[in-house]
């Protein structure tokens, strides 16, 4: 889950696994696999960094074999 801020200033949390694409033109648009679109204040590179960090966090939780 990654925290983001809608354009109206309201914070929300998105499941990073549901993100299909992220565009910046000039607002950042996040398209989800269910067809929903979310406009956020964060820039595209910030969303990418948050998704990478989310993935790292998940991998750290996995038991090592």
PDB file of N, CA and C in Angstrom:
ATOM      1  N   UNK A   1       0.838  -1.172   0.000  1.00  0.00           N
ATOM      2  CA  UNK A   1       0.000   0.000   0.000  1.00  0.00           C
ATOM      3  C   UNK A   1       0.892   1.247   0.000  1.00  0.00           C
ATOM      4  N   UNK A   2       0.515   2.218  -0.808  1.00  0.00           N
ATOM      5  CA  UNK A   2       1.298   3.456  -0.858  1.00  0.00           C
ATOM      6  C   UNK A   2       0.388   4.653  -0.553  1.00  0.00           C
ATOM      7  N   UNK A   3       0.860   5.577   0.288  1.00  0.00           N
ATOM      8  CA  UNK A   3       0.072   6.777   0.574  1.00  0.00           C
ATOM      9  C   UNK A   3       0.261   7.816  -0.529  1.00  0.00           C
ATOM     10  N   UNK A   4      -0.836   8.423  -0.959  1.00  0.00           N
ATOM     11  CA  UNK A   4      -0.806   9.500  -1.950  1.00  0.00           C
ATOM     12  C   UNK A   4      -1.822  10.556  -1.526  1.00  0.00           C
ATOM     13  N   UNK A   5      -1.806  11.687  -2.213  1.00  0.00           N
ATOM     14  CA  UNK A   5      -2.700  12.793  -1.880  1.00  0.00           C
ATOM     15  C   UNK A   5      -3.498  13.195  -3.112  1.00  0.00           C
ATOM     16  N   UNK A   6      -4.818  13.134  -3.006  1.00  0.00           N
ATOM     17  CA  UNK A   6      -5.666  13.582  -4.118  1.00  0.00           C
ATOM     18  C   UNK A   6      -5.438  15.079  -4.359  1.00  0.00           C
ATOM     19  N   UNK A   7      -5.870  15.568  -5.522  1.00  0.00           N
ATOM     20  CA  UNK A   7      -5.688  16.983  -5.851  1.00  0.00           C
ATOM     21  C   UNK A   7      -6.404  17.900  -4.860  1.00  0.00           C
ATOM     22  N   UNK A   8      -7.477  17.417  -4.221  1.00  0.00           N
ATOM     23  CA  UNK A   8      -8.199  18.243  -3.251  1.00  0.00           C
ATOM     24  C   UNK A   8      -7.541  18.239  -1.870  1.00  0.00           C
ATOM     25  N   UNK A   9      -6.376  17.562  -1.742  1.00  0.00           N
ATOM     26  CA  UNK A   9      -5.637  17.534  -0.485  1.00  0.00           C
ATOM     27  C   UNK A   9      -5.971  16.363   0.415  1.00  0.00           C
ATOM     28  N   UNK A  10      -6.928  15.538   0.012  1.00  0.00           N
ATOM     29  CA  UNK A  10      -7.338  14.405   0.832  1.00  0.00           C
ATOM     30  C   UNK A  10      -6.352  13.243   0.662  1.00  0.00           C
ATOM     31  N   UNK A  11      -5.765  12.768   1.770  1.00  0.00           N
ATOM     32  CA  UNK A  11      -4.832  11.633   1.663  1.00  0.00           C
ATOM     33  C   UNK A  11      -5.596  10.325   1.464  1.00  0.00           C
ATOM     34  N   UNK A  12      -5.044   9.455   0.642  1.00  0.00           N
ATOM     35  CA  UNK A  12      -5.598   8.121   0.439  1.00  0.00           C
ATOM     36  C   UNK A  12      -4.440   7.135   0.355  1.00  0.00           C
ATOM     37  N   UNK A  13      -4.766   5.861   0.428  1.00  0.00           N
ATOM     38  CA  UNK A  13      -3.772   4.811   0.309  1.00  0.00           C
ATOM     39  C   UNK A  13      -4.193   3.906  -0.838  1.00  0.00           C
ATOM     40  N   UNK A  14      -3.271   3.645  -1.772  1.00  0.00           N
ATOM     41  CA  UNK A  14      -3.545   2.789  -2.920  1.00  0.00           C
ATOM     42  C   UNK A  14      -2.764   1.482  -2.806  1.00  0.00           C
ATOM     43  N   UNK A  15      -3.368   0.427  -3.275  1.00  0.00           N
ATOM     44  CA  UNK A  15      -2.670  -0.844  -3.376  1.00  0.00           C
ATOM     45  C   UNK A  15      -1.772  -0.771  -4.618  1.00  0.00           C
ATOM     46  N   UNK A  16      -0.482  -0.769  -4.432  1.00  0.00           N
ATOM     47  CA  UNK A  16       0.463  -0.616  -5.538  1.00  0.00           C
ATOM     48  C   UNK A  16       0.341  -1.747  -6.557  1.00  0.00           C
ATOM     49  N   UNK A  17      -0.149  -2.908  -6.129  1.00  0.00           N
ATOM     50  CA  UNK A  17      -0.314  -4.035  -7.042  1.00  0.00           C
ATOM     51  C   UNK A  17      -1.435  -3.800  -8.046  1.00  0.00           C
ATOM     52  N   UNK A  18      -2.299  -2.834  -7.793  1.00  0.00           N
ATOM     53  CA  UNK A  18      -3.424  -2.566  -8.688  1.00  0.00           C
ATOM     54  C   UNK A  18      -3.145  -1.462  -9.701  1.00  0.00           C
ATOM     55  N   UNK A  19      -1.946  -0.881  -9.658  1.00  0.00           N
ATOM     56  CA  UNK A  19      -1.605   0.214 -10.575  1.00  0.00           C
ATOM     57  C   UNK A  19      -1.255  -0.359 -11.942  1.00  0.00           C
ATOM     58  N   UNK A  20      -1.966   0.131 -12.960  1.00  0.00           N
ATOM     59  CA  UNK A  20      -1.688  -0.267 -14.345  1.00  0.00           C
ATOM     60  C   UNK A  20      -0.684   0.692 -14.978  1.00  0.00           C
ATOM     61  N   UNK A  21      -0.886   2.012 -14.772  1.00  0.00           N
ATOM     62  CA  UNK A  21       0.028   2.988 -15.359  1.00  0.00           C
ATOM     63  C   UNK A  21      -0.013   4.289 -14.572  1.00  0.00           C
ATOM     64  N   UNK A  22       1.046   5.079 -14.760  1.00  0.00           N
ATOM     65  CA  UNK A  22       1.145   6.404 -14.139  1.00  0.00           C
ATOM     66  C   UNK A  22       1.594   7.370 -15.222  1.00  0.00           C
ATOM     67  N   UNK A  23       0.869   8.486 -15.353  1.00  0.00           N
ATOM     68  CA  UNK A  23       1.211   9.516 -16.333  1.00  0.00           C
ATOM     69  C   UNK A  23       1.278  10.865 -15.627  1.00  0.00           C
ATOM     70  N   UNK A  24       2.102  11.748 -16.182  1.00  0.00           N
ATOM     71  CA  UNK A  24       2.180  13.110 -15.642  1.00  0.00           C
ATOM     72  C   UNK A  24       1.982  14.078 -16.782  1.00  0.00           C
ATOM     73  N   UNK A  25       0.849  14.864 -16.715  1.00  0.00           N
ATOM     74  CA  UNK A  25       0.553  15.763 -17.825  1.00  0.00           C
ATOM     75  C   UNK A  25      -0.421  16.866 -17.435  1.00  0.00           C
ATOM     76  N   UNK A  26      -0.200  17.910 -16.743  1.00  0.00           N
ATOM     77  CA  UNK A  26       0.820  18.097 -15.725  1.00  0.00           C
ATOM     78  C   UNK A  26       0.469  17.410 -14.412  1.00  0.00           C
ATOM     79  N   UNK A  27      -0.843  17.170 -14.154  1.00  0.00           N
ATOM     80  CA  UNK A  27      -1.193  16.425 -12.938  1.00  0.00           C
ATOM     81  C   UNK A  27      -0.815  14.961 -13.112  1.00  0.00           C
ATOM     82  N   UNK A  28      -0.538  14.291 -12.022  1.00  0.00           N
ATOM     83  CA  UNK A  28      -0.187  12.878 -12.083  1.00  0.00           C
ATOM     84  C   UNK A  28      -1.470  12.052 -12.063  1.00  0.00           C
ATOM     85  N   UNK A  29      -1.613  11.210 -13.080  1.00  0.00           N
ATOM     86  CA  UNK A  29      -2.783  10.364 -13.236  1.00  0.00           C
ATOM     87  C   UNK A  29      -2.372   8.918 -13.024  1.00  0.00           C
ATOM     88  N   UNK A  30      -3.020   8.255 -12.068  1.00  0.00           N
ATOM     89  CA  UNK A  30      -2.766   6.849 -11.797  1.00  0.00           C
ATOM     90  C   UNK A  30      -3.970   6.066 -12.311  1.00  0.00           C
ATOM     91  N   UNK A  31      -3.720   5.135 -13.229  1.00  0.00           N
ATOM     92  CA  UNK A  31      -4.786   4.275 -13.740  1.00  0.00           C
ATOM     93  C   UNK A  31      -4.644   2.906 -13.087  1.00  0.00           C
ATOM     94  N   UNK A  32      -5.747   2.412 -12.554  1.00  0.00           N
ATOM     95  CA  UNK A  32      -5.755   1.127 -11.870  1.00  0.00           C
ATOM     96  C   UNK A  32      -6.267   0.035 -12.804  1.00  0.00           C
ATOM     97  N   UNK A  33      -5.977  -1.213 -12.473  1.00  0.00           N
ATOM     98  CA  UNK A  33      -6.363  -2.322 -13.340  1.00  0.00           C
ATOM     99  C   UNK A  33      -7.888  -2.503 -13.407  1.00  0.00           C
ATOM    100  N   UNK A  34      -8.629  -1.937 -12.467  1.00  0.00           N
ATOM    101  CA  UNK A  34     -10.089  -2.041 -12.500  1.00  0.00           C
ATOM    102  C   UNK A  34     -10.729  -0.922 -13.319  1.00  0.00           C
ATOM    103  N   UNK A  35      -9.910  -0.069 -13.946  1.00  0.00           N
ATOM    104  CA  UNK A  35     -10.408   1.003 -14.795  1.00  0.00           C
ATOM    105  C   UNK A  35     -10.529   2.348 -14.099  1.00  0.00           C
ATOM    106  N   UNK A  36     -10.404   2.376 -12.772  1.00  0.00           N
ATOM    107  CA  UNK A  36     -10.484   3.644 -12.051  1.00  0.00           C
ATOM    108  C   UNK A  36      -9.269   4.512 -12.353  1.00  0.00           C
ATOM    109  N   UNK A  37      -9.470   5.823 -12.278  1.00  0.00           N
ATOM    110  CA  UNK A  37      -8.394   6.792 -12.463  1.00  0.00           C
ATOM    111  C   UNK A  37      -8.335   7.667 -11.222  1.00  0.00           C
ATOM    112  N   UNK A  38      -7.120   7.893 -10.718  1.00  0.00           N
ATOM    113  CA  UNK A  38      -6.926   8.717  -9.534  1.00  0.00           C
ATOM    114  C   UNK A  38      -5.936   9.820  -9.887  1.00  0.00           C
ATOM    115  N   UNK A  39      -6.326  11.077  -9.655  1.00  0.00           N
ATOM    116  CA  UNK A  39      -5.424  12.215  -9.853  1.00  0.00           C
ATOM    117  C   UNK A  39      -4.798  12.558  -8.512  1.00  0.00           C
ATOM    118  N   UNK A  40      -3.468  12.670  -8.492  1.00  0.00           N
ATOM    119  CA  UNK A  40      -2.765  12.909  -7.233  1.00  0.00           C
ATOM    120  C   UNK A  40      -1.786  14.067  -7.346  1.00  0.00           C
ATOM    121  N   UNK A  41      -1.402  14.589  -6.179  1.00  0.00           N
ATOM    122  CA  UNK A  41      -0.459  15.717  -6.123  1.00  0.00           C
ATOM    123  C   UNK A  41       0.985  15.281  -6.338  1.00  0.00           C
ATOM    124  N   UNK A  42       1.323  14.064  -5.952  1.00  0.00           N
ATOM    125  CA  UNK A  42       2.701  13.593  -6.064  1.00  0.00           C
ATOM    126  C   UNK A  42       3.101  13.499  -7.537  1.00  0.00           C
ATOM    127  N   UNK A  43       4.382  13.704  -7.787  1.00  0.00           N
ATOM    128  CA  UNK A  43       4.887  13.578  -9.155  1.00  0.00           C
ATOM    129  C   UNK A  43       5.117  12.106  -9.495  1.00  0.00           C
ATOM    130  N   UNK A  44       5.185  11.831 -10.785  1.00  0.00           N
ATOM    131  CA  UNK A  44       5.311  10.462 -11.265  1.00  0.00           C
ATOM    132  C   UNK A  44       6.498   9.742 -10.636  1.00  0.00           C
ATOM    133  N   UNK A  45       7.641  10.395 -10.555  1.00  0.00           N
ATOM    134  CA  UNK A  45       8.829   9.736  -9.999  1.00  0.00           C
ATOM    135  C   UNK A  45       8.631   9.372  -8.532  1.00  0.00           C
ATOM    136  N   UNK A  46       7.839  10.162  -7.794  1.00  0.00           N
ATOM    137  CA  UNK A  46       7.558   9.836  -6.400  1.00  0.00           C
ATOM    138  C   UNK A  46       6.700   8.576  -6.294  1.00  0.00           C
ATOM    139  N   UNK A  47       5.725   8.441  -7.182  1.00  0.00           N
ATOM    140  CA  UNK A  47       4.875   7.249  -7.194  1.00  0.00           C
ATOM    141  C   UNK A  47       5.714   6.026  -7.505  1.00  0.00           C
ATOM    142  N   UNK A  48       6.613   6.140  -8.465  1.00  0.00           N
ATOM    143  CA  UNK A  48       7.492   5.024  -8.822  1.00  0.00           C
ATOM    144  C   UNK A  48       8.349   4.623  -7.625  1.00  0.00           C
ATOM    145  N   UNK A  49       8.937   5.603  -6.949  1.00  0.00           N
ATOM    146  CA  UNK A  49       9.772   5.311  -5.775  1.00  0.00           C
ATOM    147  C   UNK A  49       8.958   4.622  -4.677  1.00  0.00           C
ATOM    148  N   UNK A  50       7.732   5.088  -4.453  1.00  0.00           N
ATOM    149  CA  UNK A  50       6.884   4.479  -3.430  1.00  0.00           C
ATOM    150  C   UNK A  50       6.543   3.036  -3.785  1.00  0.00           C
ATOM    151  N   UNK A  51       6.298   2.767  -5.061  1.00  0.00           N
ATOM    152  CA  UNK A  51       5.985   1.403  -5.498  1.00  0.00           C
ATOM    153  C   UNK A  51       7.197   0.487  -5.341  1.00  0.00           C
ATOM    154  N   UNK A  52       8.366   0.989  -5.669  1.00  0.00           N
ATOM    155  CA  UNK A  52       9.593   0.200  -5.506  1.00  0.00           C
ATOM    156  C   UNK A  52       9.813  -0.103  -4.028  1.00  0.00           C
ATOM    157  N   UNK A  53       9.639   0.894  -3.176  1.00  0.00           N
ATOM    158  CA  UNK A  53       9.820   0.695  -1.739  1.00  0.00           C
ATOM    159  C   UNK A  53       8.793  -0.295  -1.190  1.00  0.00           C
ATOM    160  N   UNK A  54       7.574  -0.227  -1.680  1.00  0.00           N
ATOM    161  CA  UNK A  54       6.520  -1.164  -1.288  1.00  0.00           C
ATOM    162  C   UNK A  54       6.938  -2.601  -1.653  1.00  0.00           C
ATOM    163  N   UNK A  55       7.452  -2.793  -2.866  1.00  0.00           N
ATOM    164  CA  UNK A  55       7.909  -4.112  -3.292  1.00  0.00           C
ATOM    165  C   UNK A  55       9.061  -4.623  -2.435  1.00  0.00           C
ATOM    166  N   UNK A  56       9.978  -3.751  -2.100  1.00  0.00           N
ATOM    167  CA  UNK A  56      11.099  -4.137  -1.231  1.00  0.00           C
ATOM    168  C   UNK A  56      10.595  -4.572   0.140  1.00  0.00           C
ATOM    169  N   UNK A  57       9.638  -3.828   0.651  1.00  0.00           N
ATOM    170  CA  UNK A  57       9.071  -4.157   1.963  1.00  0.00           C
ATOM    171  C   UNK A  57       8.428  -5.544   1.937  1.00  0.00           C
ATOM    172  N   UNK A  58       7.693  -5.851   0.875  1.00  0.00           N
ATOM    173  CA  UNK A  58       7.064  -7.164   0.752  1.00  0.00           C
ATOM    174  C   UNK A  58       8.099  -8.284   0.690  1.00  0.00           C
ATOM    175  N   UNK A  59       9.145  -8.061  -0.069  1.00  0.00           N
ATOM    176  CA  UNK A  59      10.188  -9.096  -0.207  1.00  0.00           C
ATOM    177  C   UNK A  59      10.921  -9.336   1.103  1.00  0.00           C
ATOM    178  N   UNK A  60      11.074  -8.318   1.928  1.00  0.00           N
ATOM    179  CA  UNK A  60      11.729  -8.478   3.218  1.00  0.00           C
ATOM    180  C   UNK A  60      10.879  -9.320   4.173  1.00  0.00           C
ATOM    181  N   UNK A  61       9.579  -9.317   3.957  1.00  0.00           N
ATOM    182  CA  UNK A  61       8.684 -10.071   4.829  1.00  0.00           C
ATOM    183  C   UNK A  61       8.633 -11.570   4.473  1.00  0.00           C
ATOM    184  N   UNK A  62       9.097 -11.909   3.272  1.00  0.00           N
ATOM    185  CA  UNK A  62       9.049 -13.312   2.825  1.00  0.00           C
ATOM    186  C   UNK A  62      10.105 -14.135   3.556  1.00  0.00           C
ATOM    187  N   UNK A  63       9.739 -15.342   3.971  1.00  0.00           N
ATOM    188  CA  UNK A  63      10.744 -16.198   4.621  1.00  0.00           C
ATOM    189  C   UNK A  63      11.790 -16.638   3.607  1.00  0.00           C
ATOM    190  N   UNK A  64      13.006 -16.692   4.064  1.00  0.00           N
ATOM    191  CA  UNK A  64      14.106 -17.136   3.180  1.00  0.00           C
ATOM    192  C   UNK A  64      14.208 -18.647   3.207  1.00  0.00           C
ATOM    193  N   UNK A  65      14.434 -19.225   2.059  1.00  0.00           N
ATOM    194  CA  UNK A  65      14.539 -20.681   1.998  1.00  0.00           C
ATOM    195  C   UNK A  65      15.949 -21.123   1.724  1.00  0.00           C
TER     196      UNK A  65
END
